[in-house]
Amino acid sequence: MATQLTARIIYRIIAAGFVNTPTPRIAIIIPAFNAAAYIAETLDSVLAQTLPPAEIIVVDDGSADNSAEIAATFSPQVKVLRQKNSGTAGARQAGAGVTNSELILSVDADDVLLPSALATLAAALRANPAAVLAVGAAEMWTPGAANPTGPDPDVVWPGEKNFWRDLLLGNRIRTTGCVLMRRSSLVAAGGWDPDRRLLGTEDWELWLRLVEQGPFARVPETVLKYRLHPGSFMVVQRRKVLVSAFATLAKHRARWRHDRDRSEAVANAEWANCVKVAHATLSDARMDLARGKFGAAFGALAETARLGTRPLAERILTIPRRHATRVIRGV
């Protein structure tokens, strides 16, 4: 009984210290490209956080509309950077380069943070000192629809045992707006890569480098509303994301070229992505043919054949070795 009482007292002392631990400074980075229709709502959600950020940085990425003007006059707390168009990754990296806050969250200019997002994610990082980032869930949001919000159907969290390998097979995080990361880990990983060939997979490519720095802390709570609209990237760039995945995987193939085990894992991921691209292309080609767009249909098929040549060849060449491995293991 005395031992249990002592343990409870110690726990309460530790818990009290944990609660009173000051929260590190948080910077919110918002890359904006022609986001005038949505950015005010995004900024409203940032300013409504129960745990206020220390910095709010909007990076206008060469917009042709008045996104920058809206952000500049929105609140004195909002800092606006203007630059020539360099893509989302370049805009995020530009924002990260002007902050010294310990924690960073980058939310897209058409998404909305839920009020407790920063508090929830910051608490997860405090509870997991080794974690390089904390990630929450997103809900799909279609304003004006009969049922405007719903769960995210595409994100399946990888198993902890082979986290890197599972993450290699596809992005498990809907968007950076769900992620609060340590700035020190972001810097150590090299930050966002602005290579245009990674367009659509630049965040996934970053996660593959960040996971080498340490574990990801996952929270089950929904922290963000992911807006679906006719111009959103998820709607109009489905197949292009799969194509850009080849560039991401090629980059990581080069990084692990001297590690046979990891190189093989990347090759398997390239093959899996090749299959995804083939399915998406065939689906699009059928629709193009039905609409009489023969050039678009055959062009897409040719591009898929080109991209899939190396993964297919490597898959065929490794059949003898994979078969031998199964025989040895008795599989």
C-alpha atoms as a PDB file:
ATOM      1  CA  MET A   1       0.000   0.000   0.000  1.00  0.00           C
ATOM      2  CA  ALA A   2       2.811   2.406   0.937  1.00  0.00           C
ATOM      3  CA  THR A   3       4.598   1.568  -2.296  1.00  0.00           C
ATOM      4  CA  GLN A   4       1.462   2.281  -4.368  1.00  0.00           C
ATOM      5  CA  LEU A   5       0.925   5.590  -2.523  1.00  0.00           C
ATOM      6  CA  THR A   6       4.523   6.633  -3.163  1.00  0.00           C
ATOM      7  CA  ALA A   7       4.171   5.737  -6.854  1.00  0.00           C
ATOM      8  CA  ARG A   8       0.995   7.855  -7.123  1.00  0.00           C
ATOM      9  CA  ILE A   9       2.696  10.843  -5.504  1.00  0.00           C
ATOM     10  CA  ILE A  10       5.685  10.559  -7.848  1.00  0.00           C
ATOM     11  CA  TYR A  11       3.350  10.270 -10.857  1.00  0.00           C
ATOM     12  CA  ARG A  12       1.443  13.399  -9.828  1.00  0.00           C
ATOM     13  CA  ILE A  13       4.685  15.352  -9.405  1.00  0.00           C
ATOM     14  CA  ILE A  14       5.879  14.273 -12.855  1.00  0.00           C
ATOM     15  CA  ALA A  15       2.481  15.005 -14.410  1.00  0.00           C
ATOM     16  CA  ALA A  16       2.372  18.461 -12.868  1.00  0.00           C
ATOM     17  CA  GLY A  17       5.825  19.211 -14.248  1.00  0.00           C
ATOM     18  CA  PHE A  18       4.757  17.959 -17.664  1.00  0.00           C
ATOM     19  CA  VAL A  19       1.688  20.178 -17.765  1.00  0.00           C
ATOM     20  CA  ASN A  20       3.713  23.233 -16.702  1.00  0.00           C
ATOM     21  CA  THR A  21       6.456  22.649 -19.255  1.00  0.00           C
ATOM     22  CA  PRO A  22       6.467  25.661 -21.591  1.00  0.00           C
ATOM     23  CA  THR A  23       5.378  24.893 -25.147  1.00  0.00           C
ATOM     24  CA  PRO A  24       8.071  25.545 -27.772  1.00  0.00           C
ATOM     25  CA  ARG A  25       7.481  28.322 -30.289  1.00  0.00           C
ATOM     26  CA  ILE A  26       5.403  27.192 -33.262  1.00  0.00           C
ATOM     27  CA  ALA A  27       5.606  28.639 -36.760  1.00  0.00           C
ATOM     28  CA  ILE A  28       2.765  28.191 -39.255  1.00  0.00           C
ATOM     29  CA  ILE A  29       3.870  28.321 -42.895  1.00  0.00           C
ATOM     30  CA  ILE A  30       1.226  28.805 -45.602  1.00  0.00           C
ATOM     31  CA  PRO A  31       2.357  28.436 -49.228  1.00  0.00           C
ATOM     32  CA  ALA A  32      -0.081  30.313 -51.443  1.00  0.00           C
ATOM     33  CA  PHE A  33      -0.495  30.246 -55.215  1.00  0.00           C
ATOM     34  CA  ASN A  34      -3.643  31.906 -56.583  1.00  0.00           C
ATOM     35  CA  ALA A  35      -5.433  31.141 -53.316  1.00  0.00           C
ATOM     36  CA  ALA A  36      -7.455  34.351 -52.962  1.00  0.00           C
ATOM     37  CA  ALA A  37     -10.736  32.432 -52.804  1.00  0.00           C
ATOM     38  CA  TYR A  38      -9.694  30.377 -49.787  1.00  0.00           C
ATOM     39  CA  ILE A  39      -6.774  31.908 -47.883  1.00  0.00           C
ATOM     40  CA  ALA A  40      -8.881  34.063 -45.548  1.00  0.00           C
ATOM     41  CA  GLU A  41     -10.664  30.987 -44.224  1.00  0.00           C
ATOM     42  CA  THR A  42      -7.334  29.244 -43.716  1.00  0.00           C
ATOM     43  CA  LEU A  43      -5.925  32.230 -41.818  1.00  0.00           C
ATOM     44  CA  ASP A  44      -9.073  32.416 -39.688  1.00  0.00           C
ATOM     45  CA  SER A  45      -8.500  28.808 -38.643  1.00  0.00           C
ATOM     46  CA  VAL A  46      -4.855  29.516 -37.783  1.00  0.00           C
ATOM     47  CA  LEU A  47      -5.735  32.551 -35.665  1.00  0.00           C
ATOM     48  CA  ALA A  48      -8.467  30.556 -33.874  1.00  0.00           C
ATOM     49  CA  GLN A  49      -6.054  27.968 -32.450  1.00  0.00           C
ATOM     50  CA  THR A  50      -6.414  27.230 -28.750  1.00  0.00           C
ATOM     51  CA  LEU A  51      -2.605  27.104 -28.688  1.00  0.00           C
ATOM     52  CA  PRO A  52      -1.637  30.229 -30.660  1.00  0.00           C
ATOM     53  CA  PRO A  53       1.367  30.041 -32.991  1.00  0.00           C
ATOM     54  CA  ALA A  54       4.299  32.382 -32.418  1.00  0.00           C
ATOM     55  CA  GLU A  55       4.683  33.049 -36.151  1.00  0.00           C
ATOM     56  CA  ILE A  56       2.373  32.963 -39.176  1.00  0.00           C
ATOM     57  CA  ILE A  57       4.253  33.131 -42.470  1.00  0.00           C
ATOM     58  CA  VAL A  58       2.436  33.276 -45.814  1.00  0.00           C
ATOM     59  CA  VAL A  59       4.688  32.602 -48.797  1.00  0.00           C
ATOM     60  CA  ASP A  60       3.111  33.988 -51.954  1.00  0.00           C
ATOM     61  CA  ASP A  61       4.518  31.762 -54.694  1.00  0.00           C
ATOM     62  CA  GLY A  62       4.148  34.082 -57.672  1.00  0.00           C
ATOM     63  CA  SER A  63       0.359  34.370 -57.532  1.00  0.00           C
ATOM     64  CA  ALA A  64      -1.470  36.168 -60.330  1.00  0.00           C
ATOM     65  CA  ASP A  65      -4.347  37.076 -57.983  1.00  0.00           C
ATOM     66  CA  ASN A  66      -4.439  39.120 -54.763  1.00  0.00           C
ATOM     67  CA  SER A  67      -3.561  36.284 -52.346  1.00  0.00           C
ATOM     68  CA  ALA A  68      -0.632  38.285 -50.931  1.00  0.00           C
ATOM     69  CA  GLU A  69      -2.708  41.435 -50.456  1.00  0.00           C
ATOM     70  CA  ILE A  70      -5.421  39.538 -48.566  1.00  0.00           C
ATOM     71  CA  ALA A  71      -2.834  37.961 -46.280  1.00  0.00           C
ATOM     72  CA  ALA A  72      -0.929  41.239 -45.733  1.00  0.00           C
ATOM     73  CA  THR A  73      -4.009  43.142 -44.591  1.00  0.00           C
ATOM     74  CA  PHE A  74      -5.568  40.243 -42.696  1.00  0.00           C
ATOM     75  CA  SER A  75      -3.781  40.600 -39.359  1.00  0.00           C
ATOM     76  CA  PRO A  76      -0.604  42.206 -37.970  1.00  0.00           C
ATOM     77  CA  GLN A  77       0.416  38.699 -36.870  1.00  0.00           C
ATOM     78  CA  VAL A  78       0.738  37.539 -40.474  1.00  0.00           C
ATOM     79  CA  LYS A  79       4.092  37.958 -42.219  1.00  0.00           C
ATOM     80  CA  VAL A  80       4.040  37.772 -46.034  1.00  0.00           C
ATOM     81  CA  LEU A  81       6.951  36.687 -48.219  1.00  0.00           C
ATOM     82  CA  ARG A  82       6.738  37.145 -51.985  1.00  0.00           C
ATOM     83  CA  GLN A  83       8.765  35.109 -54.460  1.00  0.00           C
ATOM     84  CA  LYS A  84       8.777  33.933 -58.062  1.00  0.00           C
ATOM     85  CA  ASN A  85       6.871  30.717 -58.590  1.00  0.00           C
ATOM     86  CA  SER A  86       8.991  27.797 -57.424  1.00  0.00           C
ATOM     87  CA  GLY A  87       6.347  25.227 -56.504  1.00  0.00           C
ATOM     88  CA  THR A  88       4.844  24.243 -53.182  1.00  0.00           C
ATOM     89  CA  ALA A  89       8.023  22.644 -51.838  1.00  0.00           C
ATOM     90  CA  GLY A  90      10.072  25.733 -52.672  1.00  0.00           C
ATOM     91  CA  ALA A  91       7.513  27.960 -50.955  1.00  0.00           C
ATOM     92  CA  ARG A  92       7.477  25.803 -47.834  1.00  0.00           C
ATOM     93  CA  GLN A  93      11.257  25.762 -47.698  1.00  0.00           C
ATOM     94  CA  ALA A  94      11.381  29.535 -48.098  1.00  0.00           C
ATOM     95  CA  GLY A  95       9.077  29.909 -45.111  1.00  0.00           C
ATOM     96  CA  ALA A  96      11.100  27.446 -43.045  1.00  0.00           C
ATOM     97  CA  GLY A  97      14.239  29.421 -43.868  1.00  0.00           C
ATOM     98  CA  VAL A  98      13.057  32.609 -42.150  1.00  0.00           C
ATOM     99  CA  THR A  99      11.909  31.131 -38.834  1.00  0.00           C
ATOM    100  CA  ASN A 100      13.810  30.018 -35.768  1.00  0.00           C
ATOM    101  CA  SER A 101      10.741  28.550 -34.042  1.00  0.00           C
ATOM    102  CA  GLU A 102      11.326  25.081 -32.627  1.00  0.00           C
ATOM    103  CA  LEU A 103       8.211  23.568 -34.248  1.00  0.00           C
ATOM    104  CA  ILE A 104       6.837  24.017 -37.766  1.00  0.00           C
ATOM    105  CA  LEU A 105       3.497  23.206 -39.370  1.00  0.00           C
ATOM    106  CA  SER A 106       2.846  24.001 -43.039  1.00  0.00           C
ATOM    107  CA  VAL A 107      -0.817  24.158 -44.013  1.00  0.00           C
ATOM    108  CA  ASP A 108      -2.042  24.606 -47.581  1.00  0.00           C
ATOM    109  CA  ALA A 109      -3.886  27.839 -48.338  1.00  0.00           C
ATOM    110  CA  ASP A 110      -7.178  26.070 -49.086  1.00  0.00           C
ATOM    111  CA  ASP A 111      -7.339  23.806 -46.022  1.00  0.00           C
ATOM    112  CA  VAL A 112      -8.657  24.559 -42.527  1.00  0.00           C
ATOM    113  CA  LEU A 113      -7.087  23.655 -39.194  1.00  0.00           C
ATOM    114  CA  LEU A 114      -9.447  22.555 -36.436  1.00  0.00           C
ATOM    115  CA  PRO A 115      -9.166  24.782 -33.313  1.00  0.00           C
ATOM    116  CA  SER A 116      -7.279  22.237 -31.190  1.00  0.00           C
ATOM    117  CA  ALA A 117      -4.877  21.106 -33.933  1.00  0.00           C
ATOM    118  CA  LEU A 118      -1.708  22.740 -32.591  1.00  0.00           C
ATOM    119  CA  ALA A 119      -2.498  21.881 -28.972  1.00  0.00           C
ATOM    120  CA  THR A 120      -3.127  18.227 -29.850  1.00  0.00           C
ATOM    121  CA  LEU A 121       0.009  17.825 -31.948  1.00  0.00           C
ATOM    122  CA  ALA A 122       2.251  19.750 -29.545  1.00  0.00           C
ATOM    123  CA  ALA A 123       1.072  17.555 -26.665  1.00  0.00           C
ATOM    124  CA  ALA A 124       1.975  14.462 -28.691  1.00  0.00           C
ATOM    125  CA  LEU A 125       5.513  15.774 -29.210  1.00  0.00           C
ATOM    126  CA  ARG A 126       5.895  16.592 -25.516  1.00  0.00           C
ATOM    127  CA  ALA A 127       4.786  13.064 -24.669  1.00  0.00           C
ATOM    128  CA  ASN A 128       7.200  11.577 -27.250  1.00  0.00           C
ATOM    129  CA  PRO A 129      10.545  13.403 -26.936  1.00  0.00           C
ATOM    130  CA  ALA A 130      12.216  11.088 -29.486  1.00  0.00           C
ATOM    131  CA  ALA A 131       9.585  11.753 -32.174  1.00  0.00           C
ATOM    132  CA  VAL A 132      10.635  13.982 -35.073  1.00  0.00           C
ATOM    133  CA  LEU A 133       7.033  14.909 -35.829  1.00  0.00           C
ATOM    134  CA  ALA A 134       3.455  14.400 -34.704  1.00  0.00           C
ATOM    135  CA  VAL A 135       0.733  13.637 -37.229  1.00  0.00           C
ATOM    136  CA  GLY A 136      -3.037  13.696 -36.898  1.00  0.00           C
ATOM    137  CA  ALA A 137      -5.909  12.726 -39.156  1.00  0.00           C
ATOM    138  CA  ALA A 138      -7.674  14.748 -41.848  1.00  0.00           C
ATOM    139  CA  GLU A 139     -11.300  14.725 -42.880  1.00  0.00           C
ATOM    140  CA  MET A 140     -12.331  15.220 -46.496  1.00  0.00           C
ATOM    141  CA  TRP A 141     -14.314  18.427 -46.907  1.00  0.00           C
ATOM    142  CA  THR A 142     -16.510  19.404 -49.858  1.00  0.00           C
ATOM    143  CA  PRO A 143     -18.191  22.731 -49.009  1.00  0.00           C
ATOM    144  CA  GLY A 144     -21.737  22.980 -50.335  1.00  0.00           C
ATOM    145  CA  ALA A 145     -22.252  19.223 -50.585  1.00  0.00           C
ATOM    146  CA  ALA A 146     -25.175  17.509 -48.847  1.00  0.00           C
ATOM    147  CA  ASN A 147     -22.666  15.729 -46.582  1.00  0.00           C
ATOM    148  CA  PRO A 148     -19.711  18.115 -46.656  1.00  0.00           C
ATOM    149  CA  THR A 149     -17.280  16.179 -44.446  1.00  0.00           C
ATOM    150  CA  GLY A 150     -16.254  12.574 -44.207  1.00  0.00           C
ATOM    151  CA  PRO A 151     -13.335  10.370 -43.164  1.00  0.00           C
ATOM    152  CA  ASP A 152     -10.179  10.121 -45.243  1.00  0.00           C
ATOM    153  CA  PRO A 153     -10.532   6.813 -47.131  1.00  0.00           C
ATOM    154  CA  ASP A 154      -7.023   6.591 -48.564  1.00  0.00           C
ATOM    155  CA  VAL A 155      -4.652   6.915 -45.620  1.00  0.00           C
ATOM    156  CA  VAL A 156      -3.687   3.647 -43.931  1.00  0.00           C
ATOM    157  CA  TRP A 157      -1.053   4.054 -41.221  1.00  0.00           C
ATOM    158  CA  PRO A 158       1.945   1.736 -41.708  1.00  0.00           C
ATOM    159  CA  GLY A 159       2.966  -0.878 -39.157  1.00  0.00           C
ATOM    160  CA  GLU A 160       5.588   0.196 -36.656  1.00  0.00           C
ATOM    161  CA  LYS A 161       7.834  -2.836 -37.256  1.00  0.00           C
ATOM    162  CA  ASN A 162       8.710  -1.989 -40.874  1.00  0.00           C
ATOM    163  CA  PHE A 163       7.708   1.662 -40.888  1.00  0.00           C
ATOM    164  CA  TRP A 164      10.182   2.846 -43.537  1.00  0.00           C
ATOM    165  CA  ARG A 165       9.354  -0.039 -45.881  1.00  0.00           C
ATOM    166  CA  ASP A 166       5.606   0.514 -45.522  1.00  0.00           C
ATOM    167  CA  LEU A 167       6.011   4.266 -46.003  1.00  0.00           C
ATOM    168  CA  LEU A 168       8.060   3.552 -49.125  1.00  0.00           C
ATOM    169  CA  LEU A 169       4.993   1.959 -50.729  1.00  0.00           C
ATOM    170  CA  GLY A 170       3.011   5.188 -50.577  1.00  0.00           C
ATOM    171  CA  ASN A 171       2.329   8.382 -48.675  1.00  0.00           C
ATOM    172  CA  ARG A 172       0.517   7.667 -45.394  1.00  0.00           C
ATOM    173  CA  ILE A 173      -0.067  11.324 -44.523  1.00  0.00           C
ATOM    174  CA  ARG A 174      -2.780  13.266 -46.332  1.00  0.00           C
ATOM    175  CA  THR A 175      -1.073  16.670 -46.180  1.00  0.00           C
ATOM    176  CA  THR A 176       1.539  18.638 -44.245  1.00  0.00           C
ATOM    177  CA  GLY A 177      -1.260  20.499 -42.481  1.00  0.00           C
ATOM    178  CA  CYS A 178      -1.679  17.368 -40.349  1.00  0.00           C
ATOM    179  CA  VAL A 179       1.975  17.425 -39.289  1.00  0.00           C
ATOM    180  CA  LEU A 180       3.800  19.367 -36.575  1.00  0.00           C
ATOM    181  CA  MET A 181       7.539  18.741 -36.957  1.00  0.00           C
ATOM    182  CA  ARG A 182      10.645  19.680 -35.077  1.00  0.00           C
ATOM    183  CA  ARG A 183      12.606  22.296 -36.977  1.00  0.00           C
ATOM    184  CA  SER A 184      15.884  20.649 -35.946  1.00  0.00           C
ATOM    185  CA  SER A 185      14.788  17.385 -37.592  1.00  0.00           C
ATOM    186  CA  LEU A 186      13.655  19.211 -40.741  1.00  0.00           C
ATOM    187  CA  VAL A 187      17.048  20.921 -41.032  1.00  0.00           C
ATOM    188  CA  ALA A 188      18.922  17.664 -40.376  1.00  0.00           C
ATOM    189  CA  ALA A 189      16.903  15.944 -43.126  1.00  0.00           C
ATOM    190  CA  GLY A 190      17.692  18.702 -45.632  1.00  0.00           C
ATOM    191  CA  GLY A 191      14.257  20.325 -45.793  1.00  0.00           C
ATOM    192  CA  TRP A 192      11.796  20.189 -48.686  1.00  0.00           C
ATOM    193  CA  ASP A 193      13.290  19.397 -52.084  1.00  0.00           C
ATOM    194  CA  PRO A 194      12.052  21.985 -54.646  1.00  0.00           C
ATOM    195  CA  ASP A 195      12.785  19.681 -57.624  1.00  0.00           C
ATOM    196  CA  ARG A 196       9.776  20.149 -59.944  1.00  0.00           C
ATOM    197  CA  ARG A 197       9.857  16.458 -60.898  1.00  0.00           C
ATOM    198  CA  LEU A 198       8.640  15.706 -57.364  1.00  0.00           C
ATOM    199  CA  LEU A 199       5.497  17.835 -57.776  1.00  0.00           C
ATOM    200  CA  GLY A 200       2.715  16.092 -55.896  1.00  0.00           C
ATOM    201  CA  THR A 201       5.023  13.770 -53.946  1.00  0.00           C
ATOM    202  CA  GLU A 202       7.384  16.315 -52.382  1.00  0.00           C
ATOM    203  CA  ASP A 203       5.862  15.807 -48.932  1.00  0.00           C
ATOM    204  CA  TRP A 204       6.092  12.016 -49.162  1.00  0.00           C
ATOM    205  CA  GLU A 205       9.715  12.334 -50.272  1.00  0.00           C
ATOM    206  CA  LEU A 206      10.412  14.439 -47.171  1.00  0.00           C
ATOM    207  CA  TRP A 207       8.746  11.909 -44.853  1.00  0.00           C
ATOM    208  CA  LEU A 208      11.048   9.211 -46.266  1.00  0.00           C
ATOM    209  CA  ARG A 209      14.039  11.282 -45.159  1.00  0.00           C
ATOM    210  CA  LEU A 210      12.550  12.413 -41.847  1.00  0.00           C
ATOM    211  CA  VAL A 211      11.746   8.874 -40.746  1.00  0.00           C
ATOM    212  CA  GLU A 212      15.504   8.240 -40.756  1.00  0.00           C
ATOM    213  CA  GLN A 213      15.817  10.904 -38.044  1.00  0.00           C
ATOM    214  CA  GLY A 214      13.436   9.180 -35.639  1.00  0.00           C
ATOM    215  CA  PRO A 215       9.878   7.910 -35.076  1.00  0.00           C
ATOM    216  CA  PHE A 216       6.620   9.628 -36.004  1.00  0.00           C
ATOM    217  CA  ALA A 217       4.085  10.184 -33.208  1.00  0.00           C
ATOM    218  CA  ARG A 218       0.550   9.541 -34.433  1.00  0.00           C
ATOM    219  CA  VAL A 219      -2.567  10.941 -32.791  1.00  0.00           C
ATOM    220  CA  PRO A 220      -6.021   9.585 -33.691  1.00  0.00           C
ATOM    221  CA  GLU A 221      -7.759  12.957 -33.498  1.00  0.00           C
ATOM    222  CA  THR A 222      -8.775  14.826 -36.635  1.00  0.00           C
ATOM    223  CA  VAL A 223      -6.774  18.055 -36.869  1.00  0.00           C
ATOM    224  CA  LEU A 224      -7.573  19.354 -40.359  1.00  0.00           C
ATOM    225  CA  LYS A 225     -10.307  19.711 -42.970  1.00  0.00           C
ATOM    226  CA  TYR A 226      -8.906  18.892 -46.422  1.00  0.00           C
ATOM    227  CA  ARG A 227     -10.834  20.934 -48.955  1.00  0.00           C
ATOM    228  CA  LEU A 228     -11.944  19.245 -52.172  1.00  0.00           C
ATOM    229  CA  HIS A 229     -12.791  21.601 -55.019  1.00  0.00           C
ATOM    230  CA  PRO A 230     -12.497  21.516 -58.829  1.00  0.00           C
ATOM    231  CA  GLY A 231      -9.003  23.019 -58.772  1.00  0.00           C
ATOM    232  CA  SER A 232      -7.552  21.033 -55.865  1.00  0.00           C
ATOM    233  CA  PHE A 233      -4.461  19.014 -56.626  1.00  0.00           C
ATOM    234  CA  MET A 234      -5.993  15.741 -55.522  1.00  0.00           C
ATOM    235  CA  VAL A 235      -8.840  16.152 -58.024  1.00  0.00           C
ATOM    236  CA  VAL A 236      -6.971  17.245 -61.160  1.00  0.00           C
ATOM    237  CA  GLN A 237      -3.538  15.628 -60.770  1.00  0.00           C
ATOM    238  CA  ARG A 238      -4.309  12.021 -59.826  1.00  0.00           C
ATOM    239  CA  ARG A 239      -2.196  10.316 -62.468  1.00  0.00           C
ATOM    240  CA  LYS A 240       0.549  12.962 -62.356  1.00  0.00           C
ATOM    241  CA  VAL A 241       1.114  12.180 -58.678  1.00  0.00           C
ATOM    242  CA  LEU A 242       1.685   8.531 -59.531  1.00  0.00           C
ATOM    243  CA  VAL A 243       4.092   9.546 -62.298  1.00  0.00           C
ATOM    244  CA  SER A 244       6.033  11.895 -59.993  1.00  0.00           C
ATOM    245  CA  ALA A 245       6.346   9.014 -57.517  1.00  0.00           C
ATOM    246  CA  PHE A 246       8.879   7.502 -59.924  1.00  0.00           C
ATOM    247  CA  ALA A 247      11.069  10.597 -59.408  1.00  0.00           C
ATOM    248  CA  THR A 248      10.783  10.283 -55.624  1.00  0.00           C
ATOM    249  CA  LEU A 249      11.655   6.597 -55.706  1.00  0.00           C
ATOM    250  CA  ALA A 250      14.544   7.207 -58.124  1.00  0.00           C
ATOM    251  CA  LYS A 251      15.965   9.742 -55.678  1.00  0.00           C
ATOM    252  CA  HIS A 252      15.818   7.229 -52.840  1.00  0.00           C
ATOM    253  CA  ARG A 253      17.190   4.474 -55.034  1.00  0.00           C
ATOM    254  CA  ALA A 254      20.285   6.682 -55.500  1.00  0.00           C
ATOM    255  CA  ARG A 255      20.484   7.387 -51.761  1.00  0.00           C
ATOM    256  CA  TRP A 256      20.510   3.659 -50.951  1.00  0.00           C
ATOM    257  CA  ARG A 257      22.497   2.361 -53.915  1.00  0.00           C
ATOM    258  CA  HIS A 258      25.184   0.930 -51.598  1.00  0.00           C
ATOM    259  CA  ASP A 259      22.663  -0.857 -49.363  1.00  0.00           C
ATOM    260  CA  ARG A 260      21.446  -4.006 -51.110  1.00  0.00           C
ATOM    261  CA  ASP A 261      18.521  -4.631 -48.751  1.00  0.00           C
ATOM    262  CA  ARG A 262      17.135  -1.101 -49.001  1.00  0.00           C
ATOM    263  CA  SER A 263      17.836  -0.878 -52.735  1.00  0.00           C
ATOM    264  CA  GLU A 264      15.719  -3.972 -53.219  1.00  0.00           C
ATOM    265  CA  ALA A 265      12.946  -2.434 -51.104  1.00  0.00           C
ATOM    266  CA  VAL A 266      12.977   0.660 -53.335  1.00  0.00           C
ATOM    267  CA  ALA A 267      12.859  -1.541 -56.464  1.00  0.00           C
ATOM    268  CA  ASN A 268       9.803  -3.355 -55.070  1.00  0.00           C
ATOM    269  CA  ALA A 269       8.158   0.013 -54.377  1.00  0.00           C
ATOM    270  CA  GLU A 270       8.883   1.122 -57.948  1.00  0.00           C
ATOM    271  CA  TRP A 271       7.188  -1.988 -59.264  1.00  0.00           C
ATOM    272  CA  ALA A 272       4.171  -1.449 -57.002  1.00  0.00           C
ATOM    273  CA  ASN A 273       3.921   2.137 -58.247  1.00  0.00           C
ATOM    274  CA  CYS A 274       4.228   0.914 -61.834  1.00  0.00           C
ATOM    275  CA  VAL A 275       1.155  -1.266 -61.290  1.00  0.00           C
ATOM    276  CA  LYS A 276      -0.755   1.709 -59.808  1.00  0.00           C
ATOM    277  CA  VAL A 277       0.163   3.904 -62.766  1.00  0.00           C
ATOM    278  CA  ALA A 278      -0.918   1.206 -65.219  1.00  0.00           C
ATOM    279  CA  HIS A 279      -4.333   0.890 -63.558  1.00  0.00           C
ATOM    280  CA  ALA A 280      -4.826   4.674 -63.485  1.00  0.00           C
ATOM    281  CA  THR A 281      -3.671   5.080 -67.086  1.00  0.00           C
ATOM    282  CA  LEU A 282      -5.928   2.333 -68.414  1.00  0.00           C
ATOM    283  CA  SER A 283      -8.877   3.875 -66.611  1.00  0.00           C
ATOM    284  CA  ASP A 284      -8.120   7.319 -68.053  1.00  0.00           C
ATOM    285  CA  ALA A 285      -7.392   5.888 -71.521  1.00  0.00           C
ATOM    286  CA  ARG A 286     -10.790   4.177 -71.599  1.00  0.00           C
ATOM    287  CA  MET A 287     -12.497   7.481 -70.807  1.00  0.00           C
ATOM    288  CA  ASP A 288     -10.400   9.336 -73.417  1.00  0.00           C
ATOM    289  CA  LEU A 289     -11.243   6.753 -76.078  1.00  0.00           C
ATOM    290  CA  ALA A 290     -14.949   6.991 -75.225  1.00  0.00           C
ATOM    291  CA  ARG A 291     -14.714  10.768 -75.720  1.00  0.00           C
ATOM    292  CA  GLY A 292     -12.845  10.399 -79.007  1.00  0.00           C
ATOM    293  CA  LYS A 293      -9.562  11.739 -77.583  1.00  0.00           C
ATOM    294  CA  PHE A 294      -7.379   9.157 -79.279  1.00  0.00           C
ATOM    295  CA  GLY A 295      -4.158  11.179 -79.081  1.00  0.00           C
ATOM    296  CA  ALA A 296      -4.473  11.665 -75.318  1.00  0.00           C
ATOM    297  CA  ALA A 297      -5.282   7.990 -74.775  1.00  0.00           C
ATOM    298  CA  PHE A 298      -2.333   6.630 -76.754  1.00  0.00           C
ATOM    299  CA  GLY A 299       0.003   9.299 -75.376  1.00  0.00           C
ATOM    300  CA  ALA A 300      -0.822   8.255 -71.817  1.00  0.00           C
ATOM    301  CA  LEU A 301      -0.284   4.578 -72.642  1.00  0.00           C
ATOM    302  CA  ALA A 302       3.082   5.339 -74.257  1.00  0.00           C
ATOM    303  CA  GLU A 303       4.198   7.380 -71.237  1.00  0.00           C
ATOM    304  CA  THR A 304       3.223   4.574 -68.884  1.00  0.00           C
ATOM    305  CA  ALA A 305       5.128   2.052 -70.992  1.00  0.00           C
ATOM    306  CA  ARG A 306       8.209   4.269 -70.861  1.00  0.00           C
ATOM    307  CA  LEU A 307       8.040   4.739 -67.106  1.00  0.00           C
ATOM    308  CA  GLY A 308       7.418   1.062 -66.482  1.00  0.00           C
ATOM    309  CA  THR A 309      10.255  -0.272 -68.647  1.00  0.00           C
ATOM    310  CA  ARG A 310      12.929  -0.361 -65.957  1.00  0.00           C
ATOM    311  CA  PRO A 311      10.724  -1.672 -63.098  1.00  0.00           C
ATOM    312  CA  LEU A 312       9.365  -4.391 -65.375  1.00  0.00           C
ATOM    313  CA  ALA A 313      12.825  -5.393 -66.611  1.00  0.00           C
ATOM    314  CA  GLU A 314      14.214  -5.516 -63.086  1.00  0.00           C
ATOM    315  CA  ARG A 315      11.238  -7.519 -61.911  1.00  0.00           C
ATOM    316  CA  ILE A 316      11.875 -10.114 -64.633  1.00  0.00           C
ATOM    317  CA  LEU A 317      15.645 -10.226 -64.016  1.00  0.00           C
ATOM    318  CA  THR A 318      15.222 -10.807 -60.277  1.00  0.00           C
ATOM    319  CA  ILE A 319      12.775 -13.721 -60.675  1.00  0.00           C
ATOM    320  CA  PRO A 320      15.514 -16.407 -60.373  1.00  0.00           C
ATOM    321  CA  ARG A 321      16.968 -14.833 -57.210  1.00  0.00           C
ATOM    322  CA  ARG A 322      13.554 -14.340 -55.585  1.00  0.00           C
ATOM    323  CA  HIS A 323      12.569 -17.908 -56.435  1.00  0.00           C
ATOM    324  CA  ALA A 324      15.821 -19.217 -54.942  1.00  0.00           C
ATOM    325  CA  THR A 325      15.206 -17.200 -51.767  1.00  0.00           C
ATOM    326  CA  ARG A 326      11.745 -18.732 -51.371  1.00  0.00           C
ATOM    327  CA  VAL A 327      13.175 -22.239 -51.830  1.00  0.00           C
ATOM    328  CA  ILE A 328      15.888 -21.654 -49.240  1.00  0.00           C
ATOM    329  CA  ARG A 329      13.401 -20.218 -46.749  1.00  0.00           C
ATOM    330  CA  GLY A 330      10.895 -22.966 -47.519  1.00  0.00           C
ATOM    331  CA  VAL A 331       8.208 -20.433 -48.471  1.00  0.00           C
END
